[in-house]
Each structure stands twice: as structure tokens, then as C-alpha cells.
Amino acid sequence: MGNIRSDSIKKVAHELLEAYPKEFKNDDFQHNKQKVAELTDVKSIVNRNRIAGYITRILSPRQRKTISVFDDEQSDI
């Protein structure tokens, strides 16, 4: 199970990505954290880090494994 992020964190992150798409790096949380601090007026360090972490997660090129529920033999049923 993953972390649950509030709608406000997601909203700010998506707005920043739409407004400044070239400012953020895909695997660099520290860089994204600095850019969030520069581009917003978020006072809370915790919220700044959550926004930067969410942006980093959105941009990360990780490929998630998909697990098949059924084997090939059972799917013929």
C-alpha cells in the first residue's frame, strides 16, 4: 500500500507541473524541493516536501510490475 496524499498536495503539484514543466527533474528530490520552495509560498516544510515528493514520483520513469491474477492455463475457462 502506498502513501495517501491529500487533494491539496496533488492539486498544487499538478499546477506547478503545468505552469513550469521544465523546472523539475525526474529523479532528483532535492532539486524539486528547492524549486517548490522558490515557486510557491508554502510555509510548512512538511507540505513542501510532500509536494516535491509527489512531483518526483509523478516524473519518475519507474516501471511497475504487473502481476497477473490468472495463469495462462486458467484463463481458457
N, C-alpha and C. Protein backbone atom coordinates (compact mmCIF):
# COMPACT_ATOMS: atom_id res chain seq x y z
N MET A 1 0.84 -1.17 0.00
CA MET A 1 0.00 0.00 0.00
C MET A 1 0.89 1.23 0.00
N GLY A 2 0.45 2.25 -0.68
CA GLY A 2 1.23 3.47 -0.79
C GLY A 2 0.76 4.54 0.16
N ASN A 3 1.43 5.66 0.07
CA ASN A 3 1.04 6.80 0.90
C ASN A 3 -0.21 7.45 0.32
N ILE A 4 -1.03 7.96 1.21
CA ILE A 4 -2.23 8.68 0.79
C ILE A 4 -1.93 10.16 0.89
N ARG A 5 -2.07 10.86 -0.22
CA ARG A 5 -1.79 12.28 -0.25
C ARG A 5 -3.10 13.05 -0.38
N SER A 6 -3.16 14.19 0.27
CA SER A 6 -4.39 14.98 0.23
C SER A 6 -4.56 15.61 -1.14
N ASP A 7 -5.78 16.00 -1.43
CA ASP A 7 -6.08 16.61 -2.72
C ASP A 7 -5.34 17.93 -2.91
N SER A 8 -5.09 18.65 -1.81
CA SER A 8 -4.39 19.93 -1.94
C SER A 8 -2.94 19.73 -2.38
N ILE A 9 -2.30 18.69 -1.89
CA ILE A 9 -0.92 18.38 -2.29
C ILE A 9 -0.89 18.04 -3.78
N LYS A 10 -1.82 17.20 -4.21
CA LYS A 10 -1.88 16.80 -5.62
C LYS A 10 -2.20 17.99 -6.51
N LYS A 11 -3.12 18.83 -6.07
CA LYS A 11 -3.54 19.98 -6.87
C LYS A 11 -2.38 20.94 -7.08
N VAL A 12 -1.66 21.26 -6.02
CA VAL A 12 -0.51 22.18 -6.13
C VAL A 12 0.56 21.56 -7.02
N ALA A 13 0.83 20.28 -6.86
CA ALA A 13 1.85 19.61 -7.66
C ALA A 13 1.49 19.64 -9.15
N HIS A 14 0.25 19.34 -9.47
CA HIS A 14 -0.16 19.35 -10.87
C HIS A 14 -0.14 20.76 -11.45
N GLU A 15 -0.54 21.75 -10.65
CA GLU A 15 -0.49 23.14 -11.12
C GLU A 15 0.95 23.58 -11.40
N LEU A 16 1.88 23.18 -10.52
CA LEU A 16 3.28 23.52 -10.75
C LEU A 16 3.83 22.84 -12.00
N LEU A 17 3.47 21.59 -12.20
CA LEU A 17 3.95 20.88 -13.38
C LEU A 17 3.38 21.46 -14.68
N GLU A 18 2.15 21.96 -14.61
CA GLU A 18 1.57 22.59 -15.80
C GLU A 18 2.19 23.94 -16.08
N ALA A 19 2.44 24.71 -15.03
CA ALA A 19 2.97 26.06 -15.20
C ALA A 19 4.47 26.06 -15.49
N TYR A 20 5.21 25.15 -14.88
CA TYR A 20 6.67 25.12 -15.02
C TYR A 20 7.15 23.70 -15.35
N PRO A 21 6.85 23.21 -16.53
CA PRO A 21 7.19 21.81 -16.83
C PRO A 21 8.68 21.53 -16.92
N LYS A 22 9.49 22.51 -17.28
CA LYS A 22 10.93 22.30 -17.47
C LYS A 22 11.74 22.52 -16.19
N GLU A 23 11.09 22.97 -15.13
CA GLU A 23 11.81 23.31 -13.90
C GLU A 23 12.13 22.10 -13.02
N PHE A 24 11.44 21.00 -13.21
CA PHE A 24 11.59 19.86 -12.31
C PHE A 24 12.33 18.71 -12.99
N LYS A 25 13.10 17.97 -12.18
CA LYS A 25 13.85 16.82 -12.68
C LYS A 25 13.17 15.54 -12.21
N ASN A 26 13.31 14.49 -13.01
CA ASN A 26 12.53 13.29 -12.73
C ASN A 26 13.02 12.46 -11.55
N ASP A 27 14.31 12.44 -11.25
CA ASP A 27 14.79 11.59 -10.15
C ASP A 27 15.53 12.37 -9.08
N ASP A 28 15.33 13.67 -9.00
CA ASP A 28 16.10 14.50 -8.08
C ASP A 28 15.17 15.20 -7.09
N PHE A 29 14.92 14.55 -5.97
CA PHE A 29 14.02 15.10 -4.96
C PHE A 29 14.55 16.42 -4.40
N GLN A 30 15.86 16.50 -4.14
CA GLN A 30 16.45 17.71 -3.55
C GLN A 30 16.26 18.91 -4.48
N HIS A 31 16.47 18.72 -5.76
CA HIS A 31 16.26 19.80 -6.73
C HIS A 31 14.79 20.21 -6.77
N ASN A 32 13.91 19.24 -6.80
CA ASN A 32 12.48 19.53 -6.84
C ASN A 32 12.03 20.24 -5.57
N LYS A 33 12.62 19.88 -4.43
CA LYS A 33 12.28 20.53 -3.17
C LYS A 33 12.67 22.01 -3.22
N GLN A 34 13.83 22.32 -3.76
CA GLN A 34 14.26 23.70 -3.88
C GLN A 34 13.36 24.48 -4.83
N LYS A 35 12.98 23.86 -5.94
CA LYS A 35 12.11 24.53 -6.90
C LYS A 35 10.72 24.79 -6.32
N VAL A 36 10.19 23.86 -5.55
CA VAL A 36 8.89 24.08 -4.91
C VAL A 36 9.00 25.25 -3.94
N ALA A 37 10.09 25.35 -3.20
CA ALA A 37 10.28 26.47 -2.27
C ALA A 37 10.38 27.79 -3.02
N GLU A 38 11.03 27.80 -4.17
CA GLU A 38 11.17 29.03 -4.96
C GLU A 38 9.87 29.46 -5.62
N LEU A 39 9.12 28.50 -6.13
CA LEU A 39 7.96 28.81 -6.96
C LEU A 39 6.65 28.95 -6.19
N THR A 40 6.64 28.58 -4.92
CA THR A 40 5.41 28.68 -4.14
C THR A 40 5.68 29.45 -2.85
N ASP A 41 4.62 29.71 -2.14
CA ASP A 41 4.74 30.37 -0.84
C ASP A 41 4.30 29.42 0.28
N VAL A 42 4.61 28.14 0.13
CA VAL A 42 4.27 27.15 1.13
C VAL A 42 5.13 27.39 2.37
N LYS A 43 4.49 27.60 3.49
CA LYS A 43 5.21 27.89 4.73
C LYS A 43 5.67 26.62 5.45
N SER A 44 4.91 25.58 5.30
CA SER A 44 5.19 24.34 6.02
C SER A 44 6.25 23.52 5.27
N ILE A 45 7.29 23.16 5.99
CA ILE A 45 8.36 22.34 5.40
C ILE A 45 7.82 20.95 5.05
N VAL A 46 6.94 20.43 5.88
CA VAL A 46 6.37 19.11 5.63
C VAL A 46 5.57 19.11 4.34
N ASN A 47 4.73 20.13 4.14
CA ASN A 47 3.94 20.20 2.91
C ASN A 47 4.82 20.42 1.69
N ARG A 48 5.86 21.24 1.83
CA ARG A 48 6.79 21.45 0.73
C ARG A 48 7.43 20.12 0.31
N ASN A 49 7.85 19.34 1.29
CA ASN A 49 8.48 18.05 1.00
C ASN A 49 7.48 17.08 0.38
N ARG A 50 6.25 17.11 0.83
CA ARG A 50 5.23 16.23 0.26
C ARG A 50 4.95 16.58 -1.19
N ILE A 51 4.87 17.88 -1.48
CA ILE A 51 4.64 18.32 -2.86
C ILE A 51 5.82 17.91 -3.74
N ALA A 52 7.03 18.15 -3.27
CA ALA A 52 8.23 17.78 -4.05
C ALA A 52 8.32 16.27 -4.24
N GLY A 53 7.98 15.51 -3.23
CA GLY A 53 8.00 14.06 -3.34
C GLY A 53 6.96 13.55 -4.32
N TYR A 54 5.79 14.16 -4.32
CA TYR A 54 4.75 13.75 -5.25
C TYR A 54 5.15 14.08 -6.68
N ILE A 55 5.74 15.26 -6.89
CA ILE A 55 6.22 15.63 -8.22
C ILE A 55 7.30 14.65 -8.69
N THR A 56 8.22 14.30 -7.80
CA THR A 56 9.28 13.36 -8.15
C THR A 56 8.68 12.01 -8.50
N ARG A 57 7.68 11.59 -7.77
CA ARG A 57 7.04 10.30 -8.04
C ARG A 57 6.30 10.31 -9.37
N ILE A 58 5.64 11.42 -9.69
CA ILE A 58 4.93 11.53 -10.96
C ILE A 58 5.91 11.44 -12.13
N LEU A 59 7.05 12.11 -11.98
CA LEU A 59 8.01 12.18 -13.07
C LEU A 59 8.95 10.99 -13.15
N SER A 60 8.99 10.15 -12.14
CA SER A 60 9.95 9.05 -12.13
C SER A 60 9.60 8.03 -13.21
N PRO A 61 10.62 7.54 -13.90
CA PRO A 61 10.38 6.60 -15.00
C PRO A 61 10.31 5.14 -14.58
N ARG A 62 10.04 4.89 -13.32
CA ARG A 62 9.97 3.50 -12.84
C ARG A 62 8.89 2.75 -13.57
N GLN A 63 9.20 1.50 -13.84
CA GLN A 63 8.19 0.64 -14.43
C GLN A 63 7.73 -0.33 -13.35
N ARG A 64 6.47 -0.29 -13.09
CA ARG A 64 5.92 -1.16 -12.05
C ARG A 64 5.59 -2.51 -12.66
N LYS A 65 5.81 -3.54 -11.88
CA LYS A 65 5.48 -4.88 -12.33
C LYS A 65 3.97 -5.09 -12.22
N THR A 66 3.41 -5.71 -13.22
CA THR A 66 2.00 -6.08 -13.14
C THR A 66 1.93 -7.57 -12.87
N ILE A 67 1.14 -7.92 -11.92
CA ILE A 67 1.01 -9.32 -11.53
C ILE A 67 -0.31 -9.83 -12.08
N SER A 68 -0.21 -10.87 -12.84
CA SER A 68 -1.40 -11.47 -13.43
C SER A 68 -2.11 -12.31 -12.36
N VAL A 69 -3.40 -12.14 -12.26
CA VAL A 69 -4.18 -12.88 -11.28
C VAL A 69 -4.36 -14.32 -11.74
N PHE A 70 -4.53 -14.51 -13.04
CA PHE A 70 -4.76 -15.84 -13.59
C PHE A 70 -3.55 -16.29 -14.39
N ASP A 71 -3.28 -17.57 -14.32
CA ASP A 71 -2.25 -18.15 -15.18
C ASP A 71 -2.84 -18.33 -16.58
N ASP A 72 -2.00 -18.58 -17.56
CA ASP A 72 -2.48 -18.78 -18.93
C ASP A 72 -3.39 -20.00 -19.02
N GLU A 73 -3.11 -21.03 -18.24
CA GLU A 73 -3.92 -22.24 -18.30
C GLU A 73 -5.34 -22.00 -17.78
N GLN A 74 -5.48 -21.18 -16.76
CA GLN A 74 -6.78 -20.95 -16.16
C GLN A 74 -7.62 -19.94 -16.95
N SER A 75 -6.98 -19.13 -17.79
CA SER A 75 -7.71 -18.09 -18.50
C SER A 75 -8.57 -18.65 -19.63
N ASP A 76 -8.37 -19.93 -19.99
CA ASP A 76 -9.18 -20.55 -21.04
C ASP A 76 -10.58 -20.91 -20.58
N ILE A 77 -10.83 -20.87 -19.30
CA ILE A 77 -12.11 -21.29 -18.74
C ILE A 77 -13.21 -20.37 -19.11
